[in-house]
Amino acid sequence: MIKSEINIRVLYAHTDKMGIINNGRYFEYFEAGRNTLLRELGYPYTELEKLNFGLPVIEAHANYVATAAYDDVVTVRAILANEPTVKVRIDYELYVAEKLIATGYTIHSFINMHTLKPARPPKNFIELVRSKLK
């Protein structure tokens, strides 16, 4: 299992009239966690793009457990549990002061950016993930 964490302070612009994070914003927190995971893995998203790979979201899910409010610090934990194929799933856990506020996942398809068709991920990416999953 590969994990990463990032802390994000809730902006006022991310809250609704009740002063809590708007439900759609959680997916932005997932994205921040995913980008951190790839960067810490040693294969940032920009490297995939240089090799002509895209990684669009093809499925997303969130479970809302509790709320977070303006100025709270949200810890986003991103987890890669399985070796990617043409698809990759990343799981997320969001916390405020050790209290779980949300869980979820995103599933992505590797695509060739020229054809926009599914593609196998770069071999060196798979090798890197495989070495870290051990």
N, C-alpha and C. Protein backbone atom coordinates (compact mmCIF):
# COMPACT_ATOMS: atom_id res chain seq x y z
N MET A 1 0.84 -1.17 0.00
CA MET A 1 0.00 0.00 0.00
C MET A 1 0.89 1.24 0.00
N ILE A 2 0.56 2.20 -0.84
CA ILE A 2 1.30 3.46 -0.92
C ILE A 2 0.37 4.55 -0.41
N LYS A 3 0.88 5.36 0.54
CA LYS A 3 0.06 6.42 1.14
C LYS A 3 0.79 7.75 1.08
N SER A 4 0.02 8.80 1.02
CA SER A 4 0.58 10.15 1.18
C SER A 4 -0.43 10.99 1.92
N GLU A 5 0.05 12.10 2.48
CA GLU A 5 -0.83 13.02 3.19
C GLU A 5 -0.49 14.45 2.83
N ILE A 6 -1.51 15.28 2.80
CA ILE A 6 -1.34 16.72 2.61
C ILE A 6 -2.36 17.41 3.51
N ASN A 7 -1.96 18.55 4.07
CA ASN A 7 -2.87 19.35 4.89
C ASN A 7 -3.32 20.56 4.08
N ILE A 8 -4.63 20.81 4.12
CA ILE A 8 -5.21 21.92 3.38
C ILE A 8 -6.11 22.72 4.34
N ARG A 9 -5.88 24.02 4.43
CA ARG A 9 -6.75 24.86 5.25
C ARG A 9 -7.98 25.24 4.43
N VAL A 10 -9.15 25.08 5.01
CA VAL A 10 -10.40 25.36 4.32
C VAL A 10 -10.53 26.86 4.07
N LEU A 11 -10.71 27.21 2.81
CA LEU A 11 -10.92 28.60 2.42
C LEU A 11 -12.38 28.99 2.62
N TYR A 12 -12.63 30.25 2.87
CA TYR A 12 -14.00 30.73 2.98
C TYR A 12 -14.78 30.43 1.70
N ALA A 13 -14.10 30.57 0.56
CA ALA A 13 -14.73 30.33 -0.74
C ALA A 13 -15.16 28.88 -0.94
N HIS A 14 -14.64 27.96 -0.14
CA HIS A 14 -14.99 26.55 -0.24
C HIS A 14 -16.20 26.18 0.61
N THR A 15 -16.74 27.14 1.34
CA THR A 15 -17.86 26.84 2.24
C THR A 15 -19.18 27.34 1.67
N ASP A 16 -20.25 26.77 2.20
CA ASP A 16 -21.59 27.18 1.78
C ASP A 16 -22.18 28.15 2.82
N LYS A 17 -23.44 28.45 2.68
CA LYS A 17 -24.10 29.41 3.57
C LYS A 17 -24.07 28.96 5.04
N MET A 18 -23.97 27.65 5.25
CA MET A 18 -23.92 27.11 6.62
C MET A 18 -22.51 27.16 7.21
N GLY A 19 -21.53 27.59 6.37
CA GLY A 19 -20.16 27.70 6.86
C GLY A 19 -19.37 26.41 6.82
N ILE A 20 -19.90 25.39 6.13
CA ILE A 20 -19.18 24.12 6.02
C ILE A 20 -18.75 23.89 4.57
N ILE A 21 -17.79 23.01 4.38
CA ILE A 21 -17.29 22.74 3.03
C ILE A 21 -18.45 22.29 2.14
N ASN A 22 -18.57 22.92 0.99
CA ASN A 22 -19.56 22.51 0.00
C ASN A 22 -19.22 21.10 -0.47
N ASN A 23 -20.23 20.26 -0.62
CA ASN A 23 -20.00 18.84 -0.92
C ASN A 23 -19.17 18.61 -2.18
N GLY A 24 -19.29 19.43 -3.19
CA GLY A 24 -18.52 19.24 -4.41
C GLY A 24 -17.03 19.52 -4.24
N ARG A 25 -16.69 20.31 -3.24
CA ARG A 25 -15.28 20.65 -3.01
C ARG A 25 -14.45 19.46 -2.54
N TYR A 26 -15.08 18.45 -1.98
CA TYR A 26 -14.33 17.29 -1.51
C TYR A 26 -13.53 16.65 -2.64
N PHE A 27 -14.07 16.70 -3.86
CA PHE A 27 -13.36 16.11 -4.99
C PHE A 27 -12.11 16.91 -5.33
N GLU A 28 -12.10 18.21 -5.02
CA GLU A 28 -10.88 18.99 -5.19
C GLU A 28 -9.84 18.58 -4.15
N TYR A 29 -10.27 18.26 -2.96
CA TYR A 29 -9.36 17.78 -1.92
C TYR A 29 -8.80 16.41 -2.34
N PHE A 30 -9.66 15.57 -2.93
CA PHE A 30 -9.18 14.28 -3.46
C PHE A 30 -8.09 14.53 -4.50
N GLU A 31 -8.31 15.50 -5.38
CA GLU A 31 -7.32 15.79 -6.43
C GLU A 31 -5.99 16.24 -5.82
N ALA A 32 -6.06 17.07 -4.80
CA ALA A 32 -4.83 17.50 -4.13
C ALA A 32 -4.09 16.31 -3.53
N GLY A 33 -4.85 15.39 -2.94
CA GLY A 33 -4.25 14.18 -2.38
C GLY A 33 -3.62 13.30 -3.45
N ARG A 34 -4.30 13.16 -4.56
CA ARG A 34 -3.81 12.35 -5.68
C ARG A 34 -2.53 12.94 -6.27
N ASN A 35 -2.51 14.25 -6.46
CA ASN A 35 -1.31 14.90 -6.99
C ASN A 35 -0.13 14.74 -6.03
N THR A 36 -0.39 14.86 -4.74
CA THR A 36 0.66 14.67 -3.74
C THR A 36 1.17 13.23 -3.77
N LEU A 37 0.25 12.28 -3.89
CA LEU A 37 0.64 10.87 -3.95
C LEU A 37 1.58 10.62 -5.12
N LEU A 38 1.22 11.09 -6.29
CA LEU A 38 2.07 10.88 -7.48
C LEU A 38 3.41 11.59 -7.32
N ARG A 39 3.39 12.80 -6.80
CA ARG A 39 4.64 13.55 -6.61
C ARG A 39 5.56 12.83 -5.63
N GLU A 40 5.01 12.38 -4.49
CA GLU A 40 5.82 11.68 -3.48
C GLU A 40 6.27 10.31 -3.97
N LEU A 41 5.50 9.71 -4.85
CA LEU A 41 5.89 8.44 -5.45
C LEU A 41 7.13 8.63 -6.32
N GLY A 42 7.33 9.85 -6.80
CA GLY A 42 8.46 10.14 -7.68
C GLY A 42 8.06 10.17 -9.14
N TYR A 43 6.74 10.27 -9.38
CA TYR A 43 6.24 10.28 -10.75
C TYR A 43 5.08 11.28 -10.84
N PRO A 44 5.39 12.58 -10.75
CA PRO A 44 4.31 13.58 -10.77
C PRO A 44 3.53 13.53 -12.07
N TYR A 45 2.32 14.03 -11.99
CA TYR A 45 1.42 14.02 -13.15
C TYR A 45 2.07 14.67 -14.37
N THR A 46 2.89 15.69 -14.15
CA THR A 46 3.56 16.37 -15.26
C THR A 46 4.46 15.42 -16.05
N GLU A 47 5.03 14.42 -15.38
CA GLU A 47 5.86 13.43 -16.09
C GLU A 47 5.00 12.55 -17.00
N LEU A 48 3.82 12.19 -16.53
CA LEU A 48 2.91 11.42 -17.38
C LEU A 48 2.54 12.23 -18.62
N GLU A 49 2.26 13.52 -18.42
CA GLU A 49 1.90 14.37 -19.55
C GLU A 49 3.04 14.50 -20.56
N LYS A 50 4.28 14.60 -20.07
CA LYS A 50 5.44 14.68 -20.97
C LYS A 50 5.53 13.44 -21.86
N LEU A 51 5.05 12.32 -21.34
CA LEU A 51 5.08 11.06 -22.09
C LEU A 51 3.79 10.84 -22.88
N ASN A 52 2.95 11.87 -22.93
CA ASN A 52 1.72 11.83 -23.71
C ASN A 52 0.62 10.96 -23.09
N PHE A 53 0.60 10.89 -21.75
CA PHE A 53 -0.44 10.15 -21.05
C PHE A 53 -1.35 11.12 -20.30
N GLY A 54 -2.64 10.84 -20.35
CA GLY A 54 -3.61 11.54 -19.53
C GLY A 54 -4.17 10.56 -18.52
N LEU A 55 -4.80 11.08 -17.50
CA LEU A 55 -5.33 10.23 -16.43
C LEU A 55 -6.70 10.77 -16.00
N PRO A 56 -7.68 10.78 -16.92
CA PRO A 56 -8.99 11.33 -16.56
C PRO A 56 -9.74 10.47 -15.54
N VAL A 57 -10.54 11.13 -14.74
CA VAL A 57 -11.42 10.44 -13.80
C VAL A 57 -12.55 9.81 -14.59
N ILE A 58 -12.78 8.51 -14.37
CA ILE A 58 -13.91 7.84 -15.03
C ILE A 58 -14.98 7.41 -14.02
N GLU A 59 -14.63 7.48 -12.74
CA GLU A 59 -15.61 7.19 -11.69
C GLU A 59 -15.14 7.89 -10.42
N ALA A 60 -16.09 8.44 -9.65
CA ALA A 60 -15.75 9.10 -8.39
C ALA A 60 -16.87 8.88 -7.39
N HIS A 61 -16.48 8.72 -6.15
CA HIS A 61 -17.46 8.48 -5.09
C HIS A 61 -16.97 9.12 -3.80
N ALA A 62 -17.89 9.68 -3.04
CA ALA A 62 -17.56 10.25 -1.74
C ALA A 62 -18.61 9.85 -0.72
N ASN A 63 -18.13 9.53 0.48
CA ASN A 63 -19.00 9.28 1.64
C ASN A 63 -18.75 10.41 2.63
N TYR A 64 -19.79 11.15 2.94
CA TYR A 64 -19.67 12.28 3.86
C TYR A 64 -20.00 11.80 5.26
N VAL A 65 -19.02 11.89 6.16
CA VAL A 65 -19.16 11.36 7.52
C VAL A 65 -19.45 12.48 8.52
N ALA A 66 -18.71 13.58 8.40
CA ALA A 66 -18.86 14.72 9.30
C ALA A 66 -18.52 15.98 8.49
N THR A 67 -18.56 17.12 9.12
CA THR A 67 -18.32 18.36 8.39
C THR A 67 -16.98 18.97 8.75
N ALA A 68 -16.54 19.87 7.89
CA ALA A 68 -15.39 20.72 8.16
C ALA A 68 -15.83 22.14 7.85
N ALA A 69 -15.28 23.09 8.56
CA ALA A 69 -15.71 24.48 8.43
C ALA A 69 -14.55 25.37 8.01
N TYR A 70 -14.89 26.60 7.68
CA TYR A 70 -13.89 27.59 7.31
C TYR A 70 -12.76 27.62 8.33
N ASP A 71 -11.55 27.63 7.83
CA ASP A 71 -10.30 27.72 8.59
C ASP A 71 -9.87 26.42 9.26
N ASP A 72 -10.69 25.36 9.17
CA ASP A 72 -10.22 24.04 9.65
C ASP A 72 -9.07 23.58 8.76
N VAL A 73 -8.21 22.76 9.32
CA VAL A 73 -7.15 22.13 8.53
C VAL A 73 -7.59 20.70 8.24
N VAL A 74 -7.73 20.40 6.96
CA VAL A 74 -8.15 19.07 6.52
C VAL A 74 -6.91 18.29 6.11
N THR A 75 -6.73 17.13 6.70
CA THR A 75 -5.66 16.22 6.29
C THR A 75 -6.25 15.26 5.28
N VAL A 76 -5.66 15.26 4.09
CA VAL A 76 -6.11 14.39 3.01
C VAL A 76 -5.11 13.25 2.89
N ARG A 77 -5.58 12.04 3.09
CA ARG A 77 -4.75 10.85 2.93
C ARG A 77 -5.18 10.17 1.63
N ALA A 78 -4.23 9.98 0.72
CA ALA A 78 -4.48 9.28 -0.54
C ALA A 78 -3.78 7.93 -0.47
N ILE A 79 -4.45 6.89 -0.97
CA ILE A 79 -3.96 5.52 -0.83
C ILE A 79 -4.05 4.80 -2.17
N LEU A 80 -2.94 4.25 -2.59
CA LEU A 80 -2.89 3.39 -3.78
C LEU A 80 -2.60 1.98 -3.28
N ALA A 81 -3.58 1.10 -3.39
CA ALA A 81 -3.47 -0.23 -2.80
C ALA A 81 -3.12 -1.32 -3.80
N ASN A 82 -3.38 -1.06 -5.10
CA ASN A 82 -3.17 -2.10 -6.10
C ASN A 82 -2.39 -1.57 -7.29
N GLU A 83 -1.67 -2.46 -7.93
CA GLU A 83 -0.91 -2.11 -9.12
C GLU A 83 -1.87 -1.69 -10.24
N PRO A 84 -1.60 -0.55 -10.87
CA PRO A 84 -2.47 -0.10 -11.96
C PRO A 84 -2.38 -1.00 -13.19
N THR A 85 -3.47 -1.02 -13.93
CA THR A 85 -3.49 -1.65 -15.25
C THR A 85 -3.80 -0.50 -16.21
N VAL A 86 -4.77 -0.64 -17.06
CA VAL A 86 -5.21 0.50 -17.86
C VAL A 86 -5.98 1.47 -16.96
N LYS A 87 -6.47 0.97 -15.84
CA LYS A 87 -7.18 1.77 -14.84
C LYS A 87 -6.39 1.77 -13.54
N VAL A 88 -6.63 2.81 -12.75
CA VAL A 88 -6.04 2.88 -11.42
C VAL A 88 -7.09 3.47 -10.47
N ARG A 89 -7.16 2.88 -9.28
CA ARG A 89 -8.08 3.37 -8.24
C ARG A 89 -7.26 3.97 -7.11
N ILE A 90 -7.68 5.13 -6.66
CA ILE A 90 -7.05 5.78 -5.52
C ILE A 90 -8.13 6.04 -4.49
N ASP A 91 -7.87 5.64 -3.26
CA ASP A 91 -8.80 5.83 -2.15
C ASP A 91 -8.38 7.04 -1.33
N TYR A 92 -9.35 7.65 -0.66
CA TYR A 92 -9.08 8.87 0.11
C TYR A 92 -9.75 8.80 1.47
N GLU A 93 -9.07 9.39 2.45
CA GLU A 93 -9.62 9.61 3.78
C GLU A 93 -9.33 11.05 4.14
N LEU A 94 -10.33 11.78 4.60
CA LEU A 94 -10.17 13.17 5.00
C LEU A 94 -10.45 13.30 6.49
N TYR A 95 -9.58 14.03 7.18
CA TYR A 95 -9.67 14.19 8.62
C TYR A 95 -9.57 15.66 9.00
N VAL A 96 -10.22 16.03 10.10
CA VAL A 96 -9.99 17.29 10.78
C VAL A 96 -9.65 16.93 12.21
N ALA A 97 -8.43 17.25 12.62
CA ALA A 97 -7.97 16.96 13.98
C ALA A 97 -8.25 15.50 14.36
N GLU A 98 -7.84 14.59 13.53
CA GLU A 98 -7.98 13.15 13.76
C GLU A 98 -9.41 12.62 13.65
N LYS A 99 -10.37 13.50 13.38
CA LYS A 99 -11.77 13.07 13.21
C LYS A 99 -12.02 12.84 11.72
N LEU A 100 -12.46 11.64 11.37
CA LEU A 100 -12.77 11.30 9.98
C LEU A 100 -13.98 12.12 9.52
N ILE A 101 -13.82 12.84 8.40
CA ILE A 101 -14.94 13.63 7.89
C ILE A 101 -15.46 13.10 6.55
N ALA A 102 -14.62 12.37 5.80
CA ALA A 102 -15.07 11.83 4.51
C ALA A 102 -14.14 10.73 4.04
N THR A 103 -14.69 9.83 3.26
CA THR A 103 -13.91 8.82 2.55
C THR A 103 -14.39 8.82 1.11
N GLY A 104 -13.61 8.22 0.25
CA GLY A 104 -14.04 8.13 -1.13
C GLY A 104 -12.97 7.51 -1.99
N TYR A 105 -13.24 7.51 -3.27
CA TYR A 105 -12.26 6.98 -4.23
C TYR A 105 -12.50 7.62 -5.59
N THR A 106 -11.46 7.55 -6.40
CA THR A 106 -11.58 7.91 -7.81
C THR A 106 -10.94 6.78 -8.62
N ILE A 107 -11.51 6.53 -9.77
CA ILE A 107 -10.93 5.56 -10.71
C ILE A 107 -10.58 6.35 -11.97
N HIS A 108 -9.38 6.11 -12.47
CA HIS A 108 -8.85 6.81 -13.62
C HIS A 108 -8.47 5.82 -14.70
N SER A 109 -8.54 6.28 -15.93
CA SER A 109 -8.07 5.47 -17.06
C SER A 109 -6.86 6.17 -17.65
N PHE A 110 -5.80 5.41 -17.86
CA PHE A 110 -4.67 5.94 -18.60
C PHE A 110 -5.10 6.07 -20.06
N ILE A 111 -4.84 7.23 -20.65
CA ILE A 111 -5.17 7.41 -22.06
C ILE A 111 -3.98 7.99 -22.81
N ASN A 112 -3.95 7.73 -24.10
CA ASN A 112 -3.01 8.36 -25.00
C ASN A 112 -3.59 9.74 -25.31
N MET A 113 -2.84 10.80 -25.05
CA MET A 113 -3.37 12.15 -25.22
C MET A 113 -3.61 12.53 -26.68
N HIS A 114 -2.95 11.86 -27.63
CA HIS A 114 -3.19 12.16 -29.04
C HIS A 114 -4.47 11.52 -29.54
N THR A 115 -4.71 10.27 -29.13
CA THR A 115 -5.88 9.54 -29.64
C THR A 115 -7.07 9.57 -28.67
N LEU A 116 -6.80 9.92 -27.41
CA LEU A 116 -7.80 9.90 -26.34
C LEU A 116 -8.37 8.50 -26.11
N LYS A 117 -7.60 7.49 -26.47
CA LYS A 117 -7.98 6.08 -26.28
C LYS A 117 -7.25 5.52 -25.06
N PRO A 118 -7.85 4.53 -24.39
CA PRO A 118 -7.18 3.88 -23.27
C PRO A 118 -5.81 3.33 -23.69
N ALA A 119 -4.86 3.39 -22.75
CA ALA A 119 -3.50 2.93 -23.02
C ALA A 119 -2.92 2.32 -21.75
N ARG A 120 -2.01 1.41 -21.92
CA ARG A 120 -1.30 0.86 -20.76
C ARG A 120 -0.39 1.95 -20.21
N PRO A 121 -0.25 2.02 -18.90
CA PRO A 121 0.63 3.04 -18.32
C PRO A 121 2.08 2.79 -18.70
N PRO A 122 2.92 3.81 -18.57
CA PRO A 122 4.34 3.62 -18.88
C PRO A 122 4.95 2.50 -18.04
N LYS A 123 5.80 1.72 -18.67
CA LYS A 123 6.42 0.57 -18.00
C LYS A 123 7.18 1.00 -16.75
N ASN A 124 7.91 2.12 -16.83
CA ASN A 124 8.67 2.55 -15.66
C ASN A 124 7.76 3.02 -14.52
N PHE A 125 6.56 3.48 -14.86
CA PHE A 125 5.59 3.84 -13.82
C PHE A 125 5.13 2.58 -13.09
N ILE A 126 4.79 1.56 -13.85
CA ILE A 126 4.35 0.29 -13.25
C ILE A 126 5.46 -0.31 -12.39
N GLU A 127 6.69 -0.28 -12.88
CA GLU A 127 7.82 -0.82 -12.12
C GLU A 127 8.01 -0.06 -10.82
N LEU A 128 7.87 1.27 -10.87
CA LEU A 128 8.02 2.08 -9.67
C LEU A 128 6.92 1.75 -8.65
N VAL A 129 5.68 1.68 -9.10
CA VAL A 129 4.57 1.35 -8.21
C VAL A 129 4.78 -0.05 -7.62
N ARG A 130 5.14 -1.00 -8.47
CA ARG A 130 5.36 -2.37 -8.01
C ARG A 130 6.43 -2.41 -6.92
N SER A 131 7.50 -1.65 -7.09
CA SER A 131 8.59 -1.65 -6.09
C SER A 131 8.14 -1.06 -4.77
N LYS A 132 7.23 -0.08 -4.81
CA LYS A 132 6.74 0.57 -3.59
C LYS A 132 5.63 -0.22 -2.90
N LEU A 133 4.92 -1.05 -3.65
CA LEU A 133 3.84 -1.85 -3.07
C LEU A 133 4.36 -3.04 -2.27
N LYS A 134 5.61 -3.40 -2.50
CA LYS A 134 6.17 -4.58 -1.80
C LYS A 134 6.32 -4.36 -0.34
